[in-house]
Amino acid sequence: MSLAHTLGSAVNGGAEAYFLSLAGAFWRAGIAQCAAIRAHPHRENELQSYGMPTRVLPFGKHLDFTTTPAIAAMAREHDARIVLAWMNRAAKATPPGPWKRIGRLGGYYKLKNYGGFDALVGNTQDIVDWIVREGWPKGRVHYIPNFAARGHGAKIDRSTLDTPNDAPLLLGMGRLHTSKAHDVSLRALQRLPEAYLWIAGDGPDEAILKSEAIDLGVADRVRFLGWRDDAPALYRTADVCVFPSRFEPLGNVVIQSWAHGLPVIAAKAAGPGALIRDGEDGFLIEIDDAEGLAAKTRMLLADKELSAKFVANGANRVETEFSESAVVGQWKALFDAMGGV
């Protein structure tokens, strides 16, 4: 018996990164797995390190006649009892069969793609409530949060990224897309003349953001790092995480900041707004409030006791709510209720 995953995305993003984290956690818990994914060398290598049988499939749109039959063949070959579909494209391609189908939602996805599925899992309570309001039976919708994937590794030598060791260092994580509001971080940096900003991520707005950094006069203090596979080291190296997303169903960056001892400031998008207890384990600002982001950053940089309080309280939240063992236990309970894997 096994669990099969389907992932139809080839980009680098939060859901894709968490897919690898959860697959690794299931592997450590002794759950047999297989996966069907789109071509992505890093993901393929990571799954191979878990000894997970993996099929690379096109996950195309209208004229793809190979992906769905190949998923069915993989599920049969590995005696999959449950197929876990990650996001819309994978859900559309995941066929019915003698297995149960679960859709994992990290956002407000098009629910028509999940017709006939046996259960849906949302990683925030707000997503779960929305799914139920859209007509899904409450008993088939489940809340299971993301866990904080604590990584290993030393801090990064700042000089390798042309950053002074004594400069306040801000970290922005996420795709270079307007929803992530890295432009707000750039405008906040303009108000923080001693600070540097590392932005880790890739995406369609790279040229726009680099141009804006030049226009704002901060380009010499911004480092666009591209997509990084060493996120834990980035969290450990920075002084403050700035996360002013305009649209963020969960905000995994908040949980990861807590897990790696980094105080975090986030905008009041749905996910971070529900996660952060303002003034206790982080700061919340209004969406698009560059001045507020700069002001809260100054406060944290100047008040080491406050920063330490945020770090300690965040670590406690991770231990009690977002640990790997707690989250994997919730998934295993769901799998058992659906016949086991």
C-alpha atoms as a PDB file:
ATOM      1  CA  MET A   1       0.000   0.000   0.000  1.00  0.00           C
ATOM      2  CA  SER A   2       1.189   3.529  -0.658  1.00  0.00           C
ATOM      3  CA  LEU A   3       0.329   7.197  -0.977  1.00  0.00           C
ATOM      4  CA  ALA A   4       0.609   8.790  -4.420  1.00  0.00           C
ATOM      5  CA  HIS A   5       1.251  12.491  -4.989  1.00  0.00           C
ATOM      6  CA  THR A   6       0.406  14.475  -8.114  1.00  0.00           C
ATOM      7  CA  LEU A   7       1.962  17.899  -8.691  1.00  0.00           C
ATOM      8  CA  GLY A   8       1.404  19.661 -11.997  1.00  0.00           C
ATOM      9  CA  SER A   9       3.456  22.800 -11.372  1.00  0.00           C
ATOM     10  CA  ALA A  10       6.928  23.407 -12.762  1.00  0.00           C
ATOM     11  CA  VAL A  11       7.550  26.762 -11.050  1.00  0.00           C
ATOM     12  CA  ASN A  12       9.315  27.550  -7.791  1.00  0.00           C
ATOM     13  CA  GLY A  13       6.818  28.584  -5.146  1.00  0.00           C
ATOM     14  CA  GLY A  14       5.679  28.037  -1.602  1.00  0.00           C
ATOM     15  CA  ALA A  15       3.283  25.174  -2.336  1.00  0.00           C
ATOM     16  CA  GLU A  16       5.897  23.399  -4.428  1.00  0.00           C
ATOM     17  CA  ALA A  17       8.500  23.761  -1.684  1.00  0.00           C
ATOM     18  CA  TYR A  18       6.058  22.485   0.930  1.00  0.00           C
ATOM     19  CA  PHE A  19       5.244  19.480  -1.246  1.00  0.00           C
ATOM     20  CA  LEU A  20       8.877  18.417  -0.858  1.00  0.00           C
ATOM     21  CA  SER A  21       8.835  19.148   2.870  1.00  0.00           C
ATOM     22  CA  LEU A  22       5.709  17.076   3.462  1.00  0.00           C
ATOM     23  CA  ALA A  23       6.901  14.225   1.249  1.00  0.00           C
ATOM     24  CA  GLY A  24      10.117  14.142   3.257  1.00  0.00           C
ATOM     25  CA  ALA A  25       8.181  14.143   6.524  1.00  0.00           C
ATOM     26  CA  PHE A  26       6.016  11.247   5.333  1.00  0.00           C
ATOM     27  CA  TRP A  27       9.178   9.385   4.318  1.00  0.00           C
ATOM     28  CA  ARG A  28      10.640   9.888   7.808  1.00  0.00           C
ATOM     29  CA  ALA A  29       7.342   8.602   9.224  1.00  0.00           C
ATOM     30  CA  GLY A  30       7.663   5.400   7.194  1.00  0.00           C
ATOM     31  CA  ILE A  31       4.846   6.069   4.696  1.00  0.00           C
ATOM     32  CA  ALA A  32       5.449   4.442   1.308  1.00  0.00           C
ATOM     33  CA  GLN A  33       4.977   6.982  -1.483  1.00  0.00           C
ATOM     34  CA  CYS A  34       5.177   7.546  -5.210  1.00  0.00           C
ATOM     35  CA  ALA A  35       4.799  10.752  -7.199  1.00  0.00           C
ATOM     36  CA  ALA A  36       3.877  12.128 -10.603  1.00  0.00           C
ATOM     37  CA  ILE A  37       5.352  15.583 -11.236  1.00  0.00           C
ATOM     38  CA  ARG A  38       6.311  17.915 -14.053  1.00  0.00           C
ATOM     39  CA  ALA A  39       9.964  18.114 -15.026  1.00  0.00           C
ATOM     40  CA  HIS A  40      11.977  19.937 -12.362  1.00  0.00           C
ATOM     41  CA  PRO A  41      15.521  18.659 -11.689  1.00  0.00           C
ATOM     42  CA  HIS A  42      15.713  19.826  -8.072  1.00  0.00           C
ATOM     43  CA  ARG A  43      12.401  18.203  -7.133  1.00  0.00           C
ATOM     44  CA  GLU A  44      13.296  15.036  -9.006  1.00  0.00           C
ATOM     45  CA  ASN A  45      16.614  14.780  -7.133  1.00  0.00           C
ATOM     46  CA  GLU A  46      14.966  15.456  -3.780  1.00  0.00           C
ATOM     47  CA  LEU A  47      12.340  12.759  -4.310  1.00  0.00           C
ATOM     48  CA  GLN A  48      15.043  10.368  -5.454  1.00  0.00           C
ATOM     49  CA  SER A  49      16.859  10.970  -2.162  1.00  0.00           C
ATOM     50  CA  TYR A  50      13.732   9.680  -0.396  1.00  0.00           C
ATOM     51  CA  GLY A  51      13.771   6.560  -2.567  1.00  0.00           C
ATOM     52  CA  MET A  52      10.402   7.616  -3.965  1.00  0.00           C
ATOM     53  CA  PRO A  53       9.337   6.182  -7.348  1.00  0.00           C
ATOM     54  CA  THR A  54       8.688   9.247  -9.499  1.00  0.00           C
ATOM     55  CA  ARG A  55       7.213   9.736 -12.946  1.00  0.00           C
ATOM     56  CA  VAL A  56       7.869  12.932 -14.859  1.00  0.00           C
ATOM     57  CA  LEU A  57       4.779  13.789 -16.900  1.00  0.00           C
ATOM     58  CA  PRO A  58       3.728  16.769 -19.045  1.00  0.00           C
ATOM     59  CA  PHE A  59       0.600  17.805 -17.102  1.00  0.00           C
ATOM     60  CA  GLY A  60      -0.482  19.672 -20.213  1.00  0.00           C
ATOM     61  CA  LYS A  61      -3.823  21.252 -20.927  1.00  0.00           C
ATOM     62  CA  HIS A  62      -6.314  20.285 -23.612  1.00  0.00           C
ATOM     63  CA  LEU A  63      -4.197  18.038 -25.856  1.00  0.00           C
ATOM     64  CA  ASP A  64      -2.388  16.060 -23.173  1.00  0.00           C
ATOM     65  CA  PHE A  65      -3.595  12.483 -23.535  1.00  0.00           C
ATOM     66  CA  THR A  66      -0.767  10.861 -21.581  1.00  0.00           C
ATOM     67  CA  THR A  67      -0.699  12.310 -18.066  1.00  0.00           C
ATOM     68  CA  THR A  68      -3.956  10.962 -16.661  1.00  0.00           C
ATOM     69  CA  PRO A  69      -3.447   7.367 -17.903  1.00  0.00           C
ATOM     70  CA  ALA A  70       0.139   7.460 -16.631  1.00  0.00           C
ATOM     71  CA  ILE A  71      -1.018   8.561 -13.170  1.00  0.00           C
ATOM     72  CA  ALA A  72      -3.514   5.700 -13.114  1.00  0.00           C
ATOM     73  CA  ALA A  73      -0.811   3.233 -14.147  1.00  0.00           C
ATOM     74  CA  MET A  74       1.546   4.522 -11.452  1.00  0.00           C
ATOM     75  CA  ALA A  75      -1.144   4.309  -8.781  1.00  0.00           C
ATOM     76  CA  ARG A  76      -1.933   0.720  -9.730  1.00  0.00           C
ATOM     77  CA  GLU A  77       1.720  -0.288  -9.950  1.00  0.00           C
ATOM     78  CA  HIS A  78       2.431   0.970  -6.444  1.00  0.00           C
ATOM     79  CA  ASP A  79      -0.895  -0.076  -4.924  1.00  0.00           C
ATOM     80  CA  ALA A  80      -1.818   3.487  -4.019  1.00  0.00           C
ATOM     81  CA  ARG A  81      -4.757   3.644  -1.643  1.00  0.00           C
ATOM     82  CA  ILE A  82      -4.859   7.441  -1.619  1.00  0.00           C
ATOM     83  CA  VAL A  83      -3.811   9.982  -4.248  1.00  0.00           C
ATOM     84  CA  LEU A  84      -2.999  13.450  -2.915  1.00  0.00           C
ATOM     85  CA  ALA A  85      -3.383  16.146  -5.587  1.00  0.00           C
ATOM     86  CA  TRP A  86      -1.476  19.397  -5.162  1.00  0.00           C
ATOM     87  CA  MET A  87      -3.286  22.355  -6.765  1.00  0.00           C
ATOM     88  CA  ASN A  88      -5.610  22.662  -9.733  1.00  0.00           C
ATOM     89  CA  ARG A  89      -3.629  21.216 -12.622  1.00  0.00           C
ATOM     90  CA  ALA A  90      -2.805  18.074 -10.694  1.00  0.00           C
ATOM     91  CA  ALA A  91      -6.402  17.711  -9.507  1.00  0.00           C
ATOM     92  CA  LYS A  92      -7.730  17.904 -13.075  1.00  0.00           C
ATOM     93  CA  ALA A  93      -5.296  15.203 -14.177  1.00  0.00           C
ATOM     94  CA  THR A  94      -5.850  12.826 -11.242  1.00  0.00           C
ATOM     95  CA  PRO A  95      -8.270  10.086 -12.327  1.00  0.00           C
ATOM     96  CA  PRO A  96     -10.805   8.204 -10.233  1.00  0.00           C
ATOM     97  CA  GLY A  97      -9.980   4.611  -9.464  1.00  0.00           C
ATOM     98  CA  PRO A  98      -9.849   2.101  -6.643  1.00  0.00           C
ATOM     99  CA  TRP A  99      -8.088   4.760  -4.590  1.00  0.00           C
ATOM    100  CA  LYS A 100      -9.396   7.702  -2.603  1.00  0.00           C
ATOM    101  CA  ARG A 101      -8.593  11.202  -3.878  1.00  0.00           C
ATOM    102  CA  ILE A 102      -7.659  14.100  -1.596  1.00  0.00           C
ATOM    103  CA  GLY A 103      -7.120  17.642  -2.829  1.00  0.00           C
ATOM    104  CA  ARG A 104      -4.677  19.765  -0.871  1.00  0.00           C
ATOM    105  CA  LEU A 105      -5.518  23.469  -1.108  1.00  0.00           C
ATOM    106  CA  GLY A 106      -3.191  26.253  -0.081  1.00  0.00           C
ATOM    107  CA  GLY A 107      -5.443  28.940  -1.542  1.00  0.00           C
ATOM    108  CA  TYR A 108      -8.909  29.715  -2.824  1.00  0.00           C
ATOM    109  CA  TYR A 109      -8.674  27.410  -5.826  1.00  0.00           C
ATOM    110  CA  LYS A 110     -11.313  26.637  -8.452  1.00  0.00           C
ATOM    111  CA  LEU A 111     -13.304  23.911  -6.746  1.00  0.00           C
ATOM    112  CA  LYS A 112     -14.702  22.588 -10.028  1.00  0.00           C
ATOM    113  CA  ASN A 113     -11.314  20.907 -10.487  1.00  0.00           C
ATOM    114  CA  TYR A 114     -11.995  18.732  -7.432  1.00  0.00           C
ATOM    115  CA  GLY A 115     -15.336  17.280  -8.460  1.00  0.00           C
ATOM    116  CA  GLY A 116     -15.667  13.696  -7.280  1.00  0.00           C
ATOM    117  CA  PHE A 117     -12.815  13.956  -4.792  1.00  0.00           C
ATOM    118  CA  ASP A 118     -13.319  12.200  -1.487  1.00  0.00           C
ATOM    119  CA  ALA A 119     -11.874  14.944   0.709  1.00  0.00           C
ATOM    120  CA  LEU A 120     -10.268  18.363   0.600  1.00  0.00           C
ATOM    121  CA  VAL A 121      -7.602  19.663   2.973  1.00  0.00           C
ATOM    122  CA  GLY A 122      -7.062  23.385   3.511  1.00  0.00           C
ATOM    123  CA  ASN A 123      -3.966  24.682   5.227  1.00  0.00           C
ATOM    124  CA  THR A 124      -5.845  27.520   6.938  1.00  0.00           C
ATOM    125  CA  GLN A 125      -9.157  27.548   8.755  1.00  0.00           C
ATOM    126  CA  ASP A 126     -10.308  30.386   6.517  1.00  0.00           C
ATOM    127  CA  ILE A 127      -9.781  28.247   3.405  1.00  0.00           C
ATOM    128  CA  VAL A 128     -11.692  25.386   5.034  1.00  0.00           C
ATOM    129  CA  ASP A 129     -14.586  27.676   5.954  1.00  0.00           C
ATOM    130  CA  TRP A 130     -14.659  29.047   2.403  1.00  0.00           C
ATOM    131  CA  ILE A 131     -14.786  25.543   0.891  1.00  0.00           C
ATOM    132  CA  VAL A 132     -17.759  24.684   3.104  1.00  0.00           C
ATOM    133  CA  ARG A 133     -19.512  27.928   2.177  1.00  0.00           C
ATOM    134  CA  GLU A 134     -19.022  26.974  -1.470  1.00  0.00           C
ATOM    135  CA  GLY A 135     -21.085  23.842  -0.871  1.00  0.00           C
ATOM    136  CA  TRP A 136     -18.728  21.065   0.156  1.00  0.00           C
ATOM    137  CA  PRO A 137     -19.975  18.784   2.961  1.00  0.00           C
ATOM    138  CA  LYS A 138     -18.345  19.849   6.205  1.00  0.00           C
ATOM    139  CA  GLY A 139     -17.359  16.284   7.065  1.00  0.00           C
ATOM    140  CA  ARG A 140     -15.240  16.004   3.925  1.00  0.00           C
ATOM    141  CA  VAL A 141     -13.229  19.182   4.459  1.00  0.00           C
ATOM    142  CA  HIS A 142     -10.305  19.185   6.878  1.00  0.00           C
ATOM    143  CA  TYR A 143      -7.904  21.736   8.319  1.00  0.00           C
ATOM    144  CA  ILE A 144      -4.277  20.622   8.469  1.00  0.00           C
ATOM    145  CA  PRO A 145      -1.698  23.420   8.724  1.00  0.00           C
ATOM    146  CA  ASN A 146       1.757  23.450   7.228  1.00  0.00           C
ATOM    147  CA  PHE A 147       4.540  22.477   9.563  1.00  0.00           C
ATOM    148  CA  ALA A 148       7.726  24.459   9.953  1.00  0.00           C
ATOM    149  CA  ALA A 149      10.519  22.688   8.104  1.00  0.00           C
ATOM    150  CA  ARG A 150      13.550  23.366  10.268  1.00  0.00           C
ATOM    151  CA  GLY A 151      16.645  23.143   8.109  1.00  0.00           C
ATOM    152  CA  HIS A 152      20.284  22.861   9.016  1.00  0.00           C
ATOM    153  CA  GLY A 153      23.248  24.937   8.034  1.00  0.00           C
ATOM    154  CA  ALA A 154      25.332  27.814   9.269  1.00  0.00           C
ATOM    155  CA  LYS A 155      24.694  31.461   8.648  1.00  0.00           C
ATOM    156  CA  ILE A 156      25.741  32.813   5.283  1.00  0.00           C
ATOM    157  CA  ASP A 157      28.895  34.900   5.070  1.00  0.00           C
ATOM    158  CA  ARG A 158      27.368  38.269   4.217  1.00  0.00           C
ATOM    159  CA  SER A 159      30.464  39.339   2.320  1.00  0.00           C
ATOM    160  CA  THR A 160      29.689  36.731  -0.345  1.00  0.00           C
ATOM    161  CA  LEU A 161      26.638  38.832  -1.191  1.00  0.00           C
ATOM    162  CA  ASP A 162      28.424  42.171  -0.865  1.00  0.00           C
ATOM    163  CA  THR A 163      26.668  43.026   2.384  1.00  0.00           C
ATOM    164  CA  PRO A 164      28.419  44.617   5.388  1.00  0.00           C
ATOM    165  CA  ASN A 165      28.477  42.432   8.480  1.00  0.00           C
ATOM    166  CA  ASP A 166      27.365  45.304  10.714  1.00  0.00           C
ATOM    167  CA  ALA A 167      24.467  46.537   8.559  1.00  0.00           C
ATOM    168  CA  PRO A 168      20.878  45.743   9.587  1.00  0.00           C
ATOM    169  CA  LEU A 169      19.758  42.997   7.204  1.00  0.00           C
ATOM    170  CA  LEU A 170      16.156  42.550   6.101  1.00  0.00           C
ATOM    171  CA  LEU A 171      14.962  39.403   4.352  1.00  0.00           C
ATOM    172  CA  GLY A 172      12.107  39.174   1.863  1.00  0.00           C
ATOM    173  CA  MET A 173      10.982  35.725   0.728  1.00  0.00           C
ATOM    174  CA  GLY A 174       8.615  34.808  -2.087  1.00  0.00           C
ATOM    175  CA  ARG A 175       7.944  34.981  -5.800  1.00  0.00           C
ATOM    176  CA  LEU A 176       8.669  38.220  -7.590  1.00  0.00           C
ATOM    177  CA  HIS A 177       5.016  38.976  -8.166  1.00  0.00           C
ATOM    178  CA  THR A 178       2.811  41.917  -7.270  1.00  0.00           C
ATOM    179  CA  SER A 179       0.908  39.802  -4.728  1.00  0.00           C
ATOM    180  CA  LYS A 180       4.077  39.461  -2.636  1.00  0.00           C
ATOM    181  CA  ALA A 181       4.517  43.265  -2.447  1.00  0.00           C
ATOM    182  CA  HIS A 182       8.302  43.335  -2.600  1.00  0.00           C
ATOM    183  CA  ASP A 183       7.826  46.883  -3.909  1.00  0.00           C
ATOM    184  CA  VAL A 184       6.569  47.828  -0.444  1.00  0.00           C
ATOM    185  CA  SER A 185       9.786  46.462   1.059  1.00  0.00           C
ATOM    186  CA  LEU A 186      11.810  48.558  -1.394  1.00  0.00           C
ATOM    187  CA  ARG A 187       9.931  51.699  -0.394  1.00  0.00           C
ATOM    188  CA  ALA A 188      10.440  50.857   3.278  1.00  0.00           C
ATOM    189  CA  LEU A 189      14.160  50.392   2.629  1.00  0.00           C
ATOM    190  CA  GLN A 190      14.295  53.940   1.280  1.00  0.00           C
ATOM    191  CA  ARG A 191      13.316  55.055   4.801  1.00  0.00           C
ATOM    192  CA  LEU A 192      15.996  52.860   6.429  1.00  0.00           C
ATOM    193  CA  PRO A 193      19.285  54.246   5.075  1.00  0.00           C
ATOM    194  CA  GLU A 194      21.551  51.924   7.067  1.00  0.00           C
ATOM    195  CA  ALA A 195      19.767  48.681   6.152  1.00  0.00           C
ATOM    196  CA  TYR A 196      20.257  46.153   3.378  1.00  0.00           C
ATOM    197  CA  LEU A 197      17.570  43.945   1.844  1.00  0.00           C
ATOM    198  CA  TRP A 198      17.921  40.433   0.470  1.00  0.00           C
ATOM    199  CA  ILE A 199      15.035  39.255  -1.707  1.00  0.00           C
ATOM    200  CA  ALA A 200      14.940  35.500  -2.337  1.00  0.00           C
ATOM    201  CA  GLY A 201      12.653  34.338  -5.126  1.00  0.00           C
ATOM    202  CA  ASP A 202      12.100  34.465  -8.851  1.00  0.00           C
ATOM    203  CA  GLY A 203       9.121  35.457 -10.936  1.00  0.00           C
ATOM    204  CA  PRO A 204       7.661  37.722 -13.598  1.00  0.00           C
ATOM    205  CA  ASP A 205       8.260  41.048 -11.818  1.00  0.00           C
ATOM    206  CA  GLU A 206      12.043  40.795 -11.534  1.00  0.00           C
ATOM    207  CA  ALA A 207      12.817  43.528 -14.081  1.00  0.00           C
ATOM    208  CA  ILE A 208      10.103  45.805 -12.665  1.00  0.00           C
ATOM    209  CA  LEU A 209      11.421  45.473  -9.117  1.00  0.00           C
ATOM    210  CA  LYS A 210      15.036  46.030 -10.135  1.00  0.00           C
ATOM    211  CA  SER A 211      14.008  49.149 -12.027  1.00  0.00           C
ATOM    212  CA  GLU A 212      12.047  50.389  -9.018  1.00  0.00           C
ATOM    213  CA  ALA A 213      15.054  49.825  -6.760  1.00  0.00           C
ATOM    214  CA  ILE A 214      17.077  52.070  -9.076  1.00  0.00           C
ATOM    215  CA  ASP A 215      14.366  54.734  -9.157  1.00  0.00           C
ATOM    216  CA  LEU A 216      14.138  54.737  -5.355  1.00  0.00           C
ATOM    217  CA  GLY A 217      17.900  55.046  -4.976  1.00  0.00           C
ATOM    218  CA  VAL A 218      18.249  51.788  -3.022  1.00  0.00           C
ATOM    219  CA  ALA A 219      19.642  49.450  -5.687  1.00  0.00           C
ATOM    220  CA  ASP A 220      23.082  49.469  -4.049  1.00  0.00           C
ATOM    221  CA  ARG A 221      21.519  48.042  -0.864  1.00  0.00           C
ATOM    222  CA  VAL A 222      19.272  45.388  -2.430  1.00  0.00           C
ATOM    223  CA  ARG A 223      20.379  41.910  -3.394  1.00  0.00           C
ATOM    224  CA  PHE A 224      18.084  39.933  -5.678  1.00  0.00           C
ATOM    225  CA  LEU A 225      19.088  36.365  -4.868  1.00  0.00           C
ATOM    226  CA  GLY A 226      16.845  34.437  -7.242  1.00  0.00           C
ATOM    227  CA  TRP A 227      15.330  31.141  -6.168  1.00  0.00           C
ATOM    228  CA  ARG A 228      17.332  29.655  -3.289  1.00  0.00           C
ATOM    229  CA  ASP A 229      17.529  26.159  -1.879  1.00  0.00           C
ATOM    230  CA  ASP A 230      19.157  27.348   1.362  1.00  0.00           C
ATOM    231  CA  ALA A 231      16.217  29.162   2.946  1.00  0.00           C
ATOM    232  CA  PRO A 232      17.128  28.088   6.526  1.00  0.00           C
ATOM    233  CA  ALA A 233      20.532  29.740   6.187  1.00  0.00           C
ATOM    234  CA  LEU A 234      18.906  32.921   4.886  1.00  0.00           C
ATOM    235  CA  TYR A 235      16.529  33.059   7.857  1.00  0.00           C
ATOM    236  CA  ARG A 236      19.415  32.544  10.279  1.00  0.00           C
ATOM    237  CA  THR A 237      21.532  35.264   8.684  1.00  0.00           C
ATOM    238  CA  ALA A 238      18.994  38.106   8.571  1.00  0.00           C
ATOM    239  CA  ASP A 239      17.918  40.411  11.393  1.00  0.00           C
ATOM    240  CA  VAL A 240      14.253  40.897  10.425  1.00  0.00           C
ATOM    241  CA  CYS A 241      11.908  39.186   7.976  1.00  0.00           C
ATOM    242  CA  VAL A 242       9.718  41.644   6.037  1.00  0.00           C
ATOM    243  CA  PHE A 243       6.622  40.027   4.538  1.00  0.00           C
ATOM    244  CA  PRO A 244       4.182  42.675   3.275  1.00  0.00           C
ATOM    245  CA  SER A 245       2.174  40.431   0.915  1.00  0.00           C
ATOM    246  CA  ARG A 246      -1.036  41.879  -0.472  1.00  0.00           C
ATOM    247  CA  PHE A 247      -2.581  38.425  -0.945  1.00  0.00           C
ATOM    248  CA  GLU A 248      -1.477  35.513   1.216  1.00  0.00           C
ATOM    249  CA  PRO A 249      -3.850  32.678   2.172  1.00  0.00           C
ATOM    250  CA  LEU A 250      -1.400  31.167   4.692  1.00  0.00           C
ATOM    251  CA  GLY A 251       1.963  32.867   4.939  1.00  0.00           C
ATOM    252  CA  ASN A 252       4.369  29.970   5.352  1.00  0.00           C
ATOM    253  CA  VAL A 253       7.163  32.537   5.579  1.00  0.00           C
ATOM    254  CA  VAL A 254       5.789  33.561   8.982  1.00  0.00           C
ATOM    255  CA  ILE A 255       5.976  30.001  10.297  1.00  0.00           C
ATOM    256  CA  GLN A 256       9.455  29.497   8.853  1.00  0.00           C
ATOM    257  CA  SER A 257      10.654  32.736  10.438  1.00  0.00           C
ATOM    258  CA  TRP A 258       9.415  31.519  13.807  1.00  0.00           C
ATOM    259  CA  ALA A 259      11.100  28.164  13.296  1.00  0.00           C
ATOM    260  CA  HIS A 260      14.467  29.739  12.523  1.00  0.00           C
ATOM    261  CA  GLY A 261      14.537  32.417  15.204  1.00  0.00           C
ATOM    262  CA  LEU A 262      13.859  35.443  13.004  1.00  0.00           C
ATOM    263  CA  PRO A 263      11.434  38.186  14.074  1.00  0.00           C
ATOM    264  CA  VAL A 264       8.829  38.867  11.398  1.00  0.00           C
ATOM    265  CA  ILE A 265       6.727  41.809  10.234  1.00  0.00           C
ATOM    266  CA  ALA A 266       3.830  41.052   7.890  1.00  0.00           C
ATOM    267  CA  ALA A 267       0.922  42.823   6.261  1.00  0.00           C
ATOM    268  CA  LYS A 268      -2.631  41.985   7.308  1.00  0.00           C
ATOM    269  CA  ALA A 269      -3.391  39.632   4.425  1.00  0.00           C
ATOM    270  CA  ALA A 270      -5.676  36.754   5.407  1.00  0.00           C
ATOM    271  CA  GLY A 271      -3.008  34.217   6.363  1.00  0.00           C
ATOM    272  CA  PRO A 272      -0.481  36.321   8.278  1.00  0.00           C
ATOM    273  CA  GLY A 273      -3.325  38.304   9.820  1.00  0.00           C
ATOM    274  CA  ALA A 274      -4.687  35.097  11.336  1.00  0.00           C
ATOM    275  CA  LEU A 275      -1.285  33.685  12.302  1.00  0.00           C
ATOM    276  CA  ILE A 276       0.474  36.585  13.979  1.00  0.00           C
ATOM    277  CA  ARG A 277      -0.532  37.826  17.417  1.00  0.00           C
ATOM    278  CA  ASP A 278       0.391  41.442  16.884  1.00  0.00           C
ATOM    279  CA  GLY A 279       2.991  42.630  19.355  1.00  0.00           C
ATOM    280  CA  GLU A 280       3.445  39.153  20.832  1.00  0.00           C
ATOM    281  CA  ASP A 281       5.092  36.987  18.171  1.00  0.00           C
ATOM    282  CA  GLY A 282       5.406  39.500  15.328  1.00  0.00           C
ATOM    283  CA  PHE A 283       4.149  42.788  14.005  1.00  0.00           C
ATOM    284  CA  LEU A 284       1.236  43.348  11.634  1.00  0.00           C
ATOM    285  CA  ILE A 285       0.979  46.361   9.340  1.00  0.00           C
ATOM    286  CA  GLU A 286      -1.647  47.535   6.907  1.00  0.00           C
ATOM    287  CA  ILE A 287      -1.386  46.334   3.313  1.00  0.00           C
ATOM    288  CA  ASP A 288       0.737  48.674   1.137  1.00  0.00           C
ATOM    289  CA  ASP A 289       2.020  50.564   4.197  1.00  0.00           C
ATOM    290  CA  ALA A 290       5.707  51.150   3.467  1.00  0.00           C
ATOM    291  CA  GLU A 291       6.041  53.737   6.233  1.00  0.00           C
ATOM    292  CA  GLY A 292       4.487  51.341   8.746  1.00  0.00           C
ATOM    293  CA  LEU A 293       6.870  48.596   7.647  1.00  0.00           C
ATOM    294  CA  ALA A 294       9.835  50.915   8.062  1.00  0.00           C
ATOM    295  CA  ALA A 295       8.641  52.095  11.486  1.00  0.00           C
ATOM    296  CA  LYS A 296       8.115  48.578  12.843  1.00  0.00           C
ATOM    297  CA  THR A 297      11.481  47.520  11.443  1.00  0.00           C
ATOM    298  CA  ARG A 298      13.198  50.416  13.235  1.00  0.00           C
ATOM    299  CA  MET A 299      11.450  49.396  16.444  1.00  0.00           C
ATOM    300  CA  LEU A 300      12.658  45.798  16.225  1.00  0.00           C
ATOM    301  CA  LEU A 301      16.203  46.759  15.299  1.00  0.00           C
ATOM    302  CA  ALA A 302      16.382  49.171  18.247  1.00  0.00           C
ATOM    303  CA  ASP A 303      14.716  46.958  20.873  1.00  0.00           C
ATOM    304  CA  LYS A 304      16.598  43.688  21.326  1.00  0.00           C
ATOM    305  CA  GLU A 305      14.326  42.575  24.172  1.00  0.00           C
ATOM    306  CA  LEU A 306      11.253  42.940  21.967  1.00  0.00           C
ATOM    307  CA  SER A 307      12.971  41.074  19.167  1.00  0.00           C
ATOM    308  CA  ALA A 308      13.910  38.275  21.571  1.00  0.00           C
ATOM    309  CA  LYS A 309      10.308  38.102  22.823  1.00  0.00           C
ATOM    310  CA  PHE A 310       9.017  37.654  19.284  1.00  0.00           C
ATOM    311  CA  VAL A 311      11.579  34.918  18.650  1.00  0.00           C
ATOM    312  CA  ALA A 312      10.745  33.041  21.864  1.00  0.00           C
ATOM    313  CA  ASN A 313       6.986  33.275  21.391  1.00  0.00           C
ATOM    314  CA  GLY A 314       7.283  32.268  17.752  1.00  0.00           C
ATOM    315  CA  ALA A 315       9.338  29.222  18.681  1.00  0.00           C
ATOM    316  CA  ASN A 316       6.657  28.236  21.178  1.00  0.00           C
ATOM    317  CA  ARG A 317       3.962  28.548  18.493  1.00  0.00           C
ATOM    318  CA  VAL A 318       5.952  26.245  16.232  1.00  0.00           C
ATOM    319  CA  GLU A 319       6.411  23.660  18.952  1.00  0.00           C
ATOM    320  CA  THR A 320       2.755  23.586  19.974  1.00  0.00           C
ATOM    321  CA  GLU A 321       0.981  24.137  16.633  1.00  0.00           C
ATOM    322  CA  PHE A 322       3.288  23.708  13.656  1.00  0.00           C
ATOM    323  CA  SER A 323       5.765  20.951  14.458  1.00  0.00           C
ATOM    324  CA  GLU A 324       6.436  18.211  11.933  1.00  0.00           C
ATOM    325  CA  SER A 325       5.264  15.449  14.276  1.00  0.00           C
ATOM    326  CA  ALA A 326       1.965  17.185  15.064  1.00  0.00           C
ATOM    327  CA  VAL A 327       1.124  17.877  11.423  1.00  0.00           C
ATOM    328  CA  VAL A 328       2.141  14.442  10.153  1.00  0.00           C
ATOM    329  CA  GLY A 329       0.005  12.957  12.911  1.00  0.00           C
ATOM    330  CA  GLN A 330      -3.016  14.846  11.587  1.00  0.00           C
ATOM    331  CA  TRP A 331      -2.378  13.604   8.059  1.00  0.00           C
ATOM    332  CA  LYS A 332      -1.984  10.017   9.262  1.00  0.00           C
ATOM    333  CA  ALA A 333      -5.255  10.258  11.172  1.00  0.00           C
ATOM    334  CA  LEU A 334      -6.996  11.417   7.991  1.00  0.00           C
ATOM    335  CA  PHE A 335      -5.407   8.643   5.936  1.00  0.00           C
ATOM    336  CA  ASP A 336      -6.454   6.055   8.522  1.00  0.00           C
ATOM    337  CA  ALA A 337     -10.019   7.365   8.485  1.00  0.00           C
ATOM    338  CA  MET A 338     -10.034   6.890   4.705  1.00  0.00           C
ATOM    339  CA  GLY A 339      -8.763   3.322   4.788  1.00  0.00           C
ATOM    340  CA  GLY A 340      -5.042   3.796   5.353  1.00  0.00           C
ATOM    341  CA  VAL A 341      -2.019   3.878   3.078  1.00  0.00           C
END
